[in-house]
Amino acid sequence: MIPAPTAIRFCSDCGAPVVLQVPAGDTHERHVCDRCQTIHYQNPKMVVGCIAEWDDRILLCRRAIEPRHGLWTVPAGFMENGETTAQGAARETLEEANARVEITACYALYNIPHINQVYILFRARLLDLDFHPGAESLETVLVREADVPWDLLAFATVRNTLRHYFSDRKAGHYDFHMGTIEPMAPRSP
């Protein structure tokens, strides 16, 4: 199932109204300007972040923003135009935890089609221990596997990635992981 596009009412190029239609040679409905014929594409958002390592510990951030305020995650966020995925992951780590990292490897990719997102998570090495919460974090901590608050992790992508990470670390080699996160089924009353 392809999620319906978010409503766009006016063209960002000329300000005229747009209509929803399938452009010639396309297979999806798009918002098309009635006046200048600009096609307004809506594509998935890229979320980039990293597992920032220091010895046998990793950096976690407790979220100060929604969604999932107060829960734990690895530093991650939306990629910006003009940056690579690795640059975005390093920037997000700096913004959320004031932590400087060296990206070492692309580690996991998760498709989340029901919310139009793709997560790309890297392994990274903390360059020093001079970190503290940024504007989007309540706390930042280094934790060992035994101290990960599994029931308080904000996102399935983070939970899945960390399970793979600790399993790979025990095995002595890190594989690349890819998956799809499906929507949660509603709970029965």
Foldseek 3Di string as FASTA:
>chain_A
DFDDDDDDAADPVPGAGWDWDADPPGDHTFTAHPPPRDTDDDAFWEKAAEFEDDVQWTKKFQFCDDDLHRFIFGQMGTDDPPDDRVVRHQVSCCQAKVWGWAFDAWAEWEAERVRRYIYTYTYIYTPDDPIFGHPGGPTMDIDHPVPPPLVRHRDPVRNVRVVLVVVCVVVVHGDHYYYYDYDDDDDDD
